[in-house]
């Protein structure tokens, strides 16, 4: 719905308001990754409107324009990606309404895309063993990659959480790591003796790196920080070397959740370790191997007679 009055004549566009929204997000102390995700979704939406000949002034954007964009995303990406774009745009238009740029959000009565349940395969013991084996060397990359894989397997932390770790976040004596999760919520996660040994070996070889003075736990051999995307690429490469398809951090996270429950771990403890505030996420991750856990725990009522 377009605004009335003299201000409506200004008709600010998405491009004009992007900077103001970014400043608002920064004032809310949103993480860099969240900022990038929100602004990327807005940029893609603006580009879609321009390409489709649709209005780009926020006061002229209607529900059908947003729906057309979401439908376009669904033709080329997963439903989860479309849901992310939907969430970002809903927040943007909500901000526009709060700021008085529009009277009502065009998404006020829209519903998010349905995300089908697509369980992620967990890593088998054989697959994990093969990945660990290809990392067991003495080179700079081998020591780093083994420490990364061990930490992912032992804690199930997110890729972005792992990439953002500092040296001070790791306590080898108590075998815990301080993680800054989504929403900048900190938590402390334990790990085992083998992971502690792998991290110790990494820290010793890391000390000879020309950027050893940096606080970052992970460094690249080429003299760069080991970024979130570098972790993704490394896992893909190590997966190929080990003959393990689709090796990514989320598989480690699903595997960790599954193994915790298989070993009789408490669901509440799992939520704390994984950094989940909603049981919906617990259900989503735990569903990957729910049928197998049910078969394993099954005991015949008749056999007990």
C-alpha atoms as a PDB file:
ATOM      1  CA  UNK A   1       0.000   0.000   0.000  1.00  0.00           C
ATOM      2  CA  UNK A   2       1.507   3.334  -1.030  1.00  0.00           C
ATOM      3  CA  UNK A   3       1.833   6.132   1.490  1.00  0.00           C
ATOM      4  CA  UNK A   4       0.007   9.407   1.217  1.00  0.00           C
ATOM      5  CA  UNK A   5       1.382  12.885   1.763  1.00  0.00           C
ATOM      6  CA  UNK A   6       4.471  14.722   0.592  1.00  0.00           C
ATOM      7  CA  UNK A   7       6.944  12.043   1.721  1.00  0.00           C
ATOM      8  CA  UNK A   8       5.318   9.491  -0.621  1.00  0.00           C
ATOM      9  CA  UNK A   9       6.466  11.565  -3.574  1.00  0.00           C
ATOM     10  CA  UNK A  10      10.078  10.827  -2.649  1.00  0.00           C
ATOM     11  CA  UNK A  11       9.394   7.103  -3.243  1.00  0.00           C
ATOM     12  CA  UNK A  12      12.606   5.670  -1.770  1.00  0.00           C
ATOM     13  CA  UNK A  13      13.821   2.566  -3.553  1.00  0.00           C
ATOM     14  CA  UNK A  14      15.303  -0.589  -2.105  1.00  0.00           C
ATOM     15  CA  UNK A  15      18.743   0.581  -3.182  1.00  0.00           C
ATOM     16  CA  UNK A  16      18.316   3.869  -1.311  1.00  0.00           C
ATOM     17  CA  UNK A  17      17.108   2.175   1.881  1.00  0.00           C
ATOM     18  CA  UNK A  18      19.677  -0.628   1.890  1.00  0.00           C
ATOM     19  CA  UNK A  19      22.308   1.493   3.634  1.00  0.00           C
ATOM     20  CA  UNK A  20      19.858   2.606   6.322  1.00  0.00           C
ATOM     21  CA  UNK A  21      18.761  -0.968   6.965  1.00  0.00           C
ATOM     22  CA  UNK A  22      22.383  -2.082   7.203  1.00  0.00           C
ATOM     23  CA  UNK A  23      23.048   0.591   9.813  1.00  0.00           C
ATOM     24  CA  UNK A  24      19.997  -0.592  11.751  1.00  0.00           C
ATOM     25  CA  UNK A  25      21.229  -4.191  11.657  1.00  0.00           C
ATOM     26  CA  UNK A  26      24.680  -3.118  12.796  1.00  0.00           C
ATOM     27  CA  UNK A  27      23.087  -1.242  15.690  1.00  0.00           C
ATOM     28  CA  UNK A  28      21.440  -4.527  16.684  1.00  0.00           C
ATOM     29  CA  UNK A  29      24.928  -6.101  16.777  1.00  0.00           C
ATOM     30  CA  UNK A  30      24.120  -8.635  14.073  1.00  0.00           C
ATOM     31  CA  UNK A  31      27.038 -10.844  13.089  1.00  0.00           C
ATOM     32  CA  UNK A  32      28.951 -10.214   9.877  1.00  0.00           C
ATOM     33  CA  UNK A  33      27.621 -13.449   8.402  1.00  0.00           C
ATOM     34  CA  UNK A  34      24.028 -12.473   9.209  1.00  0.00           C
ATOM     35  CA  UNK A  35      24.525  -9.036   7.673  1.00  0.00           C
ATOM     36  CA  UNK A  36      25.900 -10.567   4.486  1.00  0.00           C
ATOM     37  CA  UNK A  37      22.999 -12.991   4.244  1.00  0.00           C
ATOM     38  CA  UNK A  38      20.348 -10.315   4.782  1.00  0.00           C
ATOM     39  CA  UNK A  39      21.873  -7.836   2.355  1.00  0.00           C
ATOM     40  CA  UNK A  40      22.492 -10.487  -0.288  1.00  0.00           C
ATOM     41  CA  UNK A  41      18.818 -11.487  -0.203  1.00  0.00           C
ATOM     42  CA  UNK A  42      17.776  -7.869  -0.558  1.00  0.00           C
ATOM     43  CA  UNK A  43      20.180  -7.316  -3.433  1.00  0.00           C
ATOM     44  CA  UNK A  44      18.883 -10.383  -5.283  1.00  0.00           C
ATOM     45  CA  UNK A  45      15.287  -9.267  -4.778  1.00  0.00           C
ATOM     46  CA  UNK A  46      16.057  -5.778  -6.100  1.00  0.00           C
ATOM     47  CA  UNK A  47      17.817  -7.262  -9.128  1.00  0.00           C
ATOM     48  CA  UNK A  48      14.817  -9.536  -9.775  1.00  0.00           C
ATOM     49  CA  UNK A  49      12.421  -6.591  -9.668  1.00  0.00           C
ATOM     50  CA  UNK A  50      14.573  -4.613 -12.132  1.00  0.00           C
ATOM     51  CA  UNK A  51      14.923  -7.605 -14.445  1.00  0.00           C
ATOM     52  CA  UNK A  52      11.180  -8.289 -14.371  1.00  0.00           C
ATOM     53  CA  UNK A  53      10.110  -4.661 -14.861  1.00  0.00           C
ATOM     54  CA  UNK A  54       8.493  -4.550 -11.427  1.00  0.00           C
ATOM     55  CA  UNK A  55       8.470  -1.491  -9.125  1.00  0.00           C
ATOM     56  CA  UNK A  56      11.559  -0.958  -6.985  1.00  0.00           C
ATOM     57  CA  UNK A  57      10.146   1.830  -4.810  1.00  0.00           C
ATOM     58  CA  UNK A  58       9.269   0.154  -1.506  1.00  0.00           C
ATOM     59  CA  UNK A  59       5.896   1.905  -1.265  1.00  0.00           C
ATOM     60  CA  UNK A  60       4.880   0.381  -4.622  1.00  0.00           C
ATOM     61  CA  UNK A  61       5.994  -3.202  -3.965  1.00  0.00           C
ATOM     62  CA  UNK A  62       3.037  -5.514  -3.440  1.00  0.00           C
ATOM     63  CA  UNK A  63       2.608  -9.059  -2.222  1.00  0.00           C
ATOM     64  CA  UNK A  64       2.529 -10.471  -5.754  1.00  0.00           C
ATOM     65  CA  UNK A  65       5.979  -9.034  -6.465  1.00  0.00           C
ATOM     66  CA  UNK A  66       7.491 -10.788  -3.450  1.00  0.00           C
ATOM     67  CA  UNK A  67       5.653 -14.008  -4.287  1.00  0.00           C
ATOM     68  CA  UNK A  68       7.000 -13.881  -7.846  1.00  0.00           C
ATOM     69  CA  UNK A  69      10.534 -13.546  -6.485  1.00  0.00           C
ATOM     70  CA  UNK A  70      10.148 -16.461  -4.060  1.00  0.00           C
ATOM     71  CA  UNK A  71       8.661 -18.583  -6.845  1.00  0.00           C
ATOM     72  CA  UNK A  72      11.643 -17.712  -9.040  1.00  0.00           C
ATOM     73  CA  UNK A  73      14.073 -18.723  -6.279  1.00  0.00           C
ATOM     74  CA  UNK A  74      12.269 -22.063  -5.902  1.00  0.00           C
ATOM     75  CA  UNK A  75      12.810 -22.863  -9.589  1.00  0.00           C
ATOM     76  CA  UNK A  76      16.586 -22.668  -9.150  1.00  0.00           C
ATOM     77  CA  UNK A  77      17.324 -23.385  -5.482  1.00  0.00           C
ATOM     78  CA  UNK A  78      16.269 -25.527  -2.566  1.00  0.00           C
ATOM     79  CA  UNK A  79      13.224 -24.675  -0.489  1.00  0.00           C
ATOM     80  CA  UNK A  80      15.527 -23.860   2.434  1.00  0.00           C
ATOM     81  CA  UNK A  81      17.182 -21.141   0.329  1.00  0.00           C
ATOM     82  CA  UNK A  82      13.795 -19.699  -0.603  1.00  0.00           C
ATOM     83  CA  UNK A  83      12.817 -19.746   3.075  1.00  0.00           C
ATOM     84  CA  UNK A  84      15.972 -17.788   3.912  1.00  0.00           C
ATOM     85  CA  UNK A  85      15.189 -15.178   1.239  1.00  0.00           C
ATOM     86  CA  UNK A  86      11.634 -14.963   2.571  1.00  0.00           C
ATOM     87  CA  UNK A  87      12.829 -14.397   6.136  1.00  0.00           C
ATOM     88  CA  UNK A  88      15.250 -11.653   5.124  1.00  0.00           C
ATOM     89  CA  UNK A  89      12.661  -9.781   3.070  1.00  0.00           C
ATOM     90  CA  UNK A  90      10.078 -10.077   5.829  1.00  0.00           C
ATOM     91  CA  UNK A  91      12.533  -8.454   8.246  1.00  0.00           C
ATOM     92  CA  UNK A  92      13.346  -5.712   5.744  1.00  0.00           C
ATOM     93  CA  UNK A  93       9.729  -4.791   5.072  1.00  0.00           C
ATOM     94  CA  UNK A  94       8.974  -4.964   8.787  1.00  0.00           C
ATOM     95  CA  UNK A  95      11.767  -2.461   9.339  1.00  0.00           C
ATOM     96  CA  UNK A  96      10.379  -0.249   6.544  1.00  0.00           C
ATOM     97  CA  UNK A  97       6.996  -0.206   8.291  1.00  0.00           C
ATOM     98  CA  UNK A  98       8.570   0.591  11.661  1.00  0.00           C
ATOM     99  CA  UNK A  99      10.506   3.449  10.053  1.00  0.00           C
ATOM    100  CA  UNK A 100       7.370   4.873   8.439  1.00  0.00           C
ATOM    101  CA  UNK A 101       8.574   4.224   4.892  1.00  0.00           C
ATOM    102  CA  UNK A 102       5.474   2.121   4.218  1.00  0.00           C
ATOM    103  CA  UNK A 103       2.160   1.767   6.007  1.00  0.00           C
ATOM    104  CA  UNK A 104       1.954  -2.017   5.889  1.00  0.00           C
ATOM    105  CA  UNK A 105       4.407  -4.705   4.853  1.00  0.00           C
ATOM    106  CA  UNK A 106       3.447  -6.414   1.571  1.00  0.00           C
ATOM    107  CA  UNK A 107       4.350  -9.669   3.329  1.00  0.00           C
ATOM    108  CA  UNK A 108       1.943  -9.128   6.239  1.00  0.00           C
ATOM    109  CA  UNK A 109      -0.256 -12.071   5.251  1.00  0.00           C
ATOM    110  CA  UNK A 110       2.283 -14.141   3.346  1.00  0.00           C
ATOM    111  CA  UNK A 111       3.336 -17.577   4.542  1.00  0.00           C
ATOM    112  CA  UNK A 112       6.918 -18.884   4.248  1.00  0.00           C
ATOM    113  CA  UNK A 113       7.798 -21.645   1.770  1.00  0.00           C
ATOM    114  CA  UNK A 114       7.348 -25.144   3.110  1.00  0.00           C
ATOM    115  CA  UNK A 115      10.692 -26.856   3.660  1.00  0.00           C
ATOM    116  CA  UNK A 116      10.355 -30.600   3.001  1.00  0.00           C
ATOM    117  CA  UNK A 117      11.966 -32.925   5.507  1.00  0.00           C
ATOM    118  CA  UNK A 118      15.253 -33.973   3.924  1.00  0.00           C
ATOM    119  CA  UNK A 119      17.289 -35.948   6.469  1.00  0.00           C
ATOM    120  CA  UNK A 120      21.046 -35.586   6.074  1.00  0.00           C
ATOM    121  CA  UNK A 121      22.983 -38.838   5.984  1.00  0.00           C
ATOM    122  CA  UNK A 122      25.241 -39.289   8.983  1.00  0.00           C
ATOM    123  CA  UNK A 123      28.821 -40.423   8.598  1.00  0.00           C
ATOM    124  CA  UNK A 124      29.441 -44.094   9.186  1.00  0.00           C
ATOM    125  CA  UNK A 125      32.383 -45.195  11.320  1.00  0.00           C
ATOM    126  CA  UNK A 126      34.111 -46.397   8.149  1.00  0.00           C
ATOM    127  CA  UNK A 127      33.612 -43.072   6.363  1.00  0.00           C
ATOM    128  CA  UNK A 128      34.870 -41.071   9.328  1.00  0.00           C
ATOM    129  CA  UNK A 129      37.862 -43.392   9.620  1.00  0.00           C
ATOM    130  CA  UNK A 130      38.760 -42.852   5.961  1.00  0.00           C
ATOM    131  CA  UNK A 131      38.540 -39.062   6.326  1.00  0.00           C
ATOM    132  CA  UNK A 132      40.782 -39.142   9.386  1.00  0.00           C
ATOM    133  CA  UNK A 133      43.262 -41.379   7.557  1.00  0.00           C
ATOM    134  CA  UNK A 134      43.763 -38.987   4.624  1.00  0.00           C
ATOM    135  CA  UNK A 135      44.539 -36.195   7.096  1.00  0.00           C
ATOM    136  CA  UNK A 136      47.112 -38.162   9.088  1.00  0.00           C
ATOM    137  CA  UNK A 137      50.315 -36.630   7.814  1.00  0.00           C
ATOM    138  CA  UNK A 138      52.910 -34.301   9.280  1.00  0.00           C
ATOM    139  CA  UNK A 139      52.541 -31.357   6.901  1.00  0.00           C
ATOM    140  CA  UNK A 140      51.067 -27.989   7.880  1.00  0.00           C
ATOM    141  CA  UNK A 141      47.807 -28.755   6.050  1.00  0.00           C
ATOM    142  CA  UNK A 142      47.562 -32.286   7.423  1.00  0.00           C
ATOM    143  CA  UNK A 143      47.945 -31.173  11.034  1.00  0.00           C
ATOM    144  CA  UNK A 144      45.395 -28.393  10.554  1.00  0.00           C
ATOM    145  CA  UNK A 145      42.868 -30.477   8.650  1.00  0.00           C
ATOM    146  CA  UNK A 146      43.043 -33.348  11.134  1.00  0.00           C
ATOM    147  CA  UNK A 147      42.423 -30.948  14.028  1.00  0.00           C
ATOM    148  CA  UNK A 148      39.464 -29.441  12.157  1.00  0.00           C
ATOM    149  CA  UNK A 149      37.912 -32.828  11.363  1.00  0.00           C
ATOM    150  CA  UNK A 150      38.439 -34.087  14.920  1.00  0.00           C
ATOM    151  CA  UNK A 151      36.855 -30.986  16.423  1.00  0.00           C
ATOM    152  CA  UNK A 152      33.854 -31.166  14.088  1.00  0.00           C
ATOM    153  CA  UNK A 153      33.343 -34.856  14.841  1.00  0.00           C
ATOM    154  CA  UNK A 154      33.720 -34.443  18.608  1.00  0.00           C
ATOM    155  CA  UNK A 155      31.576 -31.318  19.051  1.00  0.00           C
ATOM    156  CA  UNK A 156      29.204 -30.954  16.100  1.00  0.00           C
ATOM    157  CA  UNK A 157      29.808 -27.195  16.052  1.00  0.00           C
ATOM    158  CA  UNK A 158      28.736 -25.188  13.023  1.00  0.00           C
ATOM    159  CA  UNK A 159      31.215 -24.413  10.250  1.00  0.00           C
ATOM    160  CA  UNK A 160      30.992 -20.684  10.906  1.00  0.00           C
ATOM    161  CA  UNK A 161      31.560 -21.298  14.616  1.00  0.00           C
ATOM    162  CA  UNK A 162      34.636 -23.379  13.888  1.00  0.00           C
ATOM    163  CA  UNK A 163      36.050 -20.861  11.413  1.00  0.00           C
ATOM    164  CA  UNK A 164      35.660 -18.041  13.931  1.00  0.00           C
ATOM    165  CA  UNK A 165      37.573 -19.725  16.755  1.00  0.00           C
ATOM    166  CA  UNK A 166      40.566 -18.034  18.341  1.00  0.00           C
ATOM    167  CA  UNK A 167      43.508 -19.647  20.099  1.00  0.00           C
ATOM    168  CA  UNK A 168      42.245 -18.359  23.448  1.00  0.00           C
ATOM    169  CA  UNK A 169      38.932 -20.146  22.911  1.00  0.00           C
ATOM    170  CA  UNK A 170      40.594 -23.550  23.281  1.00  0.00           C
ATOM    171  CA  UNK A 171      41.433 -24.994  26.699  1.00  0.00           C
ATOM    172  CA  UNK A 172      43.436 -28.171  26.171  1.00  0.00           C
ATOM    173  CA  UNK A 173      43.837 -28.865  29.883  1.00  0.00           C
ATOM    174  CA  UNK A 174      40.084 -29.020  30.472  1.00  0.00           C
ATOM    175  CA  UNK A 175      39.351 -30.169  26.891  1.00  0.00           C
ATOM    176  CA  UNK A 176      36.719 -27.550  26.132  1.00  0.00           C
ATOM    177  CA  UNK A 177      36.261 -24.886  23.472  1.00  0.00           C
ATOM    178  CA  UNK A 178      34.360 -21.608  23.874  1.00  0.00           C
ATOM    179  CA  UNK A 179      32.108 -21.126  20.855  1.00  0.00           C
ATOM    180  CA  UNK A 180      30.258 -17.998  19.742  1.00  0.00           C
ATOM    181  CA  UNK A 181      27.054 -19.301  18.198  1.00  0.00           C
ATOM    182  CA  UNK A 182      24.132 -17.818  16.322  1.00  0.00           C
ATOM    183  CA  UNK A 183      22.851 -14.580  17.743  1.00  0.00           C
ATOM    184  CA  UNK A 184      26.287 -14.126  19.341  1.00  0.00           C
ATOM    185  CA  UNK A 185      25.292 -16.567  22.069  1.00  0.00           C
ATOM    186  CA  UNK A 186      28.379 -18.108  23.707  1.00  0.00           C
ATOM    187  CA  UNK A 187      28.596 -21.691  24.905  1.00  0.00           C
ATOM    188  CA  UNK A 188      31.333 -24.040  26.059  1.00  0.00           C
ATOM    189  CA  UNK A 189      31.623 -27.425  24.337  1.00  0.00           C
ATOM    190  CA  UNK A 190      33.757 -30.378  25.502  1.00  0.00           C
ATOM    191  CA  UNK A 191      35.913 -32.591  23.294  1.00  0.00           C
ATOM    192  CA  UNK A 192      37.928 -35.771  23.755  1.00  0.00           C
ATOM    193  CA  UNK A 193      41.560 -36.723  24.274  1.00  0.00           C
ATOM    194  CA  UNK A 194      42.251 -37.562  20.617  1.00  0.00           C
ATOM    195  CA  UNK A 195      40.950 -34.174  19.523  1.00  0.00           C
ATOM    196  CA  UNK A 196      43.040 -32.464  22.195  1.00  0.00           C
ATOM    197  CA  UNK A 197      46.122 -34.248  20.844  1.00  0.00           C
ATOM    198  CA  UNK A 198      45.299 -33.235  17.259  1.00  0.00           C
ATOM    199  CA  UNK A 199      44.822 -29.589  18.275  1.00  0.00           C
ATOM    200  CA  UNK A 200      48.059 -29.621  20.284  1.00  0.00           C
ATOM    201  CA  UNK A 201      49.994 -30.908  17.270  1.00  0.00           C
ATOM    202  CA  UNK A 202      48.372 -28.238  15.115  1.00  0.00           C
ATOM    203  CA  UNK A 203      49.266 -25.459  17.545  1.00  0.00           C
ATOM    204  CA  UNK A 204      52.904 -26.576  17.610  1.00  0.00           C
ATOM    205  CA  UNK A 205      53.280 -26.477  13.838  1.00  0.00           C
ATOM    206  CA  UNK A 206      51.156 -23.304  13.664  1.00  0.00           C
ATOM    207  CA  UNK A 207      53.678 -21.523  15.901  1.00  0.00           C
ATOM    208  CA  UNK A 208      56.145 -21.466  12.992  1.00  0.00           C
ATOM    209  CA  UNK A 209      53.724 -19.747  10.609  1.00  0.00           C
ATOM    210  CA  UNK A 210      54.554 -16.170   9.590  1.00  0.00           C
ATOM    211  CA  UNK A 211      51.104 -15.094  10.850  1.00  0.00           C
ATOM    212  CA  UNK A 212      51.399 -17.020  14.109  1.00  0.00           C
ATOM    213  CA  UNK A 213      50.804 -13.801  16.057  1.00  0.00           C
ATOM    214  CA  UNK A 214      47.219 -13.567  14.844  1.00  0.00           C
ATOM    215  CA  UNK A 215      44.503 -14.617  17.305  1.00  0.00           C
ATOM    216  CA  UNK A 216      42.799 -16.887  14.738  1.00  0.00           C
ATOM    217  CA  UNK A 217      43.032 -20.589  15.601  1.00  0.00           C
ATOM    218  CA  UNK A 218      43.163 -21.651  11.949  1.00  0.00           C
ATOM    219  CA  UNK A 219      45.580 -20.331   9.327  1.00  0.00           C
ATOM    220  CA  UNK A 220      46.064 -21.082   5.655  1.00  0.00           C
ATOM    221  CA  UNK A 221      49.392 -22.373   4.370  1.00  0.00           C
ATOM    222  CA  UNK A 222      49.509 -19.545   1.826  1.00  0.00           C
ATOM    223  CA  UNK A 223      49.614 -16.910   4.564  1.00  0.00           C
ATOM    224  CA  UNK A 224      45.923 -16.172   4.836  1.00  0.00           C
ATOM    225  CA  UNK A 225      43.267 -16.693   7.470  1.00  0.00           C
ATOM    226  CA  UNK A 226      41.422 -19.983   7.144  1.00  0.00           C
ATOM    227  CA  UNK A 227      37.935 -18.637   6.426  1.00  0.00           C
ATOM    228  CA  UNK A 228      34.507 -20.224   6.554  1.00  0.00           C
ATOM    229  CA  UNK A 229      34.633 -20.906   2.816  1.00  0.00           C
ATOM    230  CA  UNK A 230      38.155 -22.298   3.107  1.00  0.00           C
ATOM    231  CA  UNK A 231      36.841 -24.839   5.633  1.00  0.00           C
ATOM    232  CA  UNK A 232      34.086 -25.817   3.200  1.00  0.00           C
ATOM    233  CA  UNK A 233      36.544 -26.299   0.356  1.00  0.00           C
ATOM    234  CA  UNK A 234      38.950 -28.269   2.525  1.00  0.00           C
ATOM    235  CA  UNK A 235      36.216 -30.678   3.621  1.00  0.00           C
ATOM    236  CA  UNK A 236      35.122 -31.215   0.026  1.00  0.00           C
ATOM    237  CA  UNK A 237      38.712 -31.961  -1.000  1.00  0.00           C
ATOM    238  CA  UNK A 238      39.345 -34.316   1.900  1.00  0.00           C
ATOM    239  CA  UNK A 239      36.056 -36.051   1.219  1.00  0.00           C
ATOM    240  CA  UNK A 240      37.090 -36.654  -2.386  1.00  0.00           C
ATOM    241  CA  UNK A 241      40.464 -38.019  -1.254  1.00  0.00           C
ATOM    242  CA  UNK A 242      38.747 -40.360   1.198  1.00  0.00           C
ATOM    243  CA  UNK A 243      36.033 -41.440  -1.241  1.00  0.00           C
ATOM    244  CA  UNK A 244      33.308 -39.920   0.957  1.00  0.00           C
ATOM    245  CA  UNK A 245      30.685 -38.039  -1.028  1.00  0.00           C
ATOM    246  CA  UNK A 246      29.173 -34.762   0.170  1.00  0.00           C
ATOM    247  CA  UNK A 247      31.496 -34.199   3.098  1.00  0.00           C
ATOM    248  CA  UNK A 248      30.456 -30.987   4.800  1.00  0.00           C
ATOM    249  CA  UNK A 249      30.179 -29.618   8.327  1.00  0.00           C
ATOM    250  CA  UNK A 250      26.458 -30.331   8.580  1.00  0.00           C
ATOM    251  CA  UNK A 251      27.100 -34.043   8.148  1.00  0.00           C
ATOM    252  CA  UNK A 252      29.407 -33.908  11.154  1.00  0.00           C
ATOM    253  CA  UNK A 253      26.718 -31.992  13.065  1.00  0.00           C
ATOM    254  CA  UNK A 254      24.018 -34.537  12.225  1.00  0.00           C
ATOM    255  CA  UNK A 255      26.390 -37.388  13.052  1.00  0.00           C
ATOM    256  CA  UNK A 256      27.222 -35.827  16.410  1.00  0.00           C
ATOM    257  CA  UNK A 257      23.530 -35.429  17.279  1.00  0.00           C
ATOM    258  CA  UNK A 258      22.763 -39.006  16.211  1.00  0.00           C
ATOM    259  CA  UNK A 259      25.658 -40.518  18.153  1.00  0.00           C
ATOM    260  CA  UNK A 260      24.802 -38.531  21.271  1.00  0.00           C
ATOM    261  CA  UNK A 261      21.298 -40.021  21.280  1.00  0.00           C
ATOM    262  CA  UNK A 262      22.522 -43.520  20.376  1.00  0.00           C
ATOM    263  CA  UNK A 263      24.814 -43.413  23.392  1.00  0.00           C
ATOM    264  CA  UNK A 264      21.836 -42.592  25.607  1.00  0.00           C
ATOM    265  CA  UNK A 265      22.547 -38.880  25.874  1.00  0.00           C
ATOM    266  CA  UNK A 266      19.897 -36.529  27.186  1.00  0.00           C
ATOM    267  CA  UNK A 267      18.014 -34.427  24.613  1.00  0.00           C
ATOM    268  CA  UNK A 268      18.268 -31.356  26.829  1.00  0.00           C
ATOM    269  CA  UNK A 269      22.038 -31.770  27.037  1.00  0.00           C
ATOM    270  CA  UNK A 270      22.183 -32.121  23.249  1.00  0.00           C
ATOM    271  CA  UNK A 271      20.338 -28.822  22.812  1.00  0.00           C
ATOM    272  CA  UNK A 272      22.871 -27.097  25.062  1.00  0.00           C
ATOM    273  CA  UNK A 273      25.884 -28.659  23.321  1.00  0.00           C
ATOM    274  CA  UNK A 274      24.545 -27.881  19.847  1.00  0.00           C
ATOM    275  CA  UNK A 275      23.460 -24.342  20.703  1.00  0.00           C
ATOM    276  CA  UNK A 276      19.763 -24.860  19.931  1.00  0.00           C
ATOM    277  CA  UNK A 277      17.081 -22.815  21.650  1.00  0.00           C
ATOM    278  CA  UNK A 278      14.170 -24.535  19.907  1.00  0.00           C
ATOM    279  CA  UNK A 279      13.192 -28.193  20.071  1.00  0.00           C
ATOM    280  CA  UNK A 280      12.279 -27.862  16.401  1.00  0.00           C
ATOM    281  CA  UNK A 281      15.982 -27.909  15.570  1.00  0.00           C
ATOM    282  CA  UNK A 282      16.504 -30.903  17.841  1.00  0.00           C
ATOM    283  CA  UNK A 283      13.781 -32.775  15.991  1.00  0.00           C
ATOM    284  CA  UNK A 284      15.165 -31.808  12.601  1.00  0.00           C
ATOM    285  CA  UNK A 285      18.706 -32.972  13.316  1.00  0.00           C
ATOM    286  CA  UNK A 286      17.760 -36.031  15.338  1.00  0.00           C
ATOM    287  CA  UNK A 287      15.450 -37.284  12.566  1.00  0.00           C
ATOM    288  CA  UNK A 288      18.341 -38.251  10.275  1.00  0.00           C
ATOM    289  CA  UNK A 289      18.741 -41.699  11.815  1.00  0.00           C
ATOM    290  CA  UNK A 290      15.635 -41.921  13.994  1.00  0.00           C
ATOM    291  CA  UNK A 291      14.478 -45.175  12.377  1.00  0.00           C
ATOM    292  CA  UNK A 292      17.822 -46.855  13.006  1.00  0.00           C
ATOM    293  CA  UNK A 293      17.855 -45.756  16.639  1.00  0.00           C
ATOM    294  CA  UNK A 294      14.318 -47.088  17.044  1.00  0.00           C
ATOM    295  CA  UNK A 295      15.313 -50.486  15.604  1.00  0.00           C
ATOM    296  CA  UNK A 296      18.408 -50.645  17.774  1.00  0.00           C
ATOM    297  CA  UNK A 297      16.536 -49.864  20.972  1.00  0.00           C
ATOM    298  CA  UNK A 298      13.602 -52.182  20.173  1.00  0.00           C
ATOM    299  CA  UNK A 299      13.003 -55.050  22.593  1.00  0.00           C
ATOM    300  CA  UNK A 300      10.329 -57.657  21.887  1.00  0.00           C
ATOM    301  CA  UNK A 301       7.582 -57.662  24.540  1.00  0.00           C
ATOM    302  CA  UNK A 302       7.060 -61.392  24.019  1.00  0.00           C
ATOM    303  CA  UNK A 303      10.748 -62.248  24.338  1.00  0.00           C
ATOM    304  CA  UNK A 304      10.690 -60.730  27.799  1.00  0.00           C
ATOM    305  CA  UNK A 305       7.933 -63.066  29.008  1.00  0.00           C
END
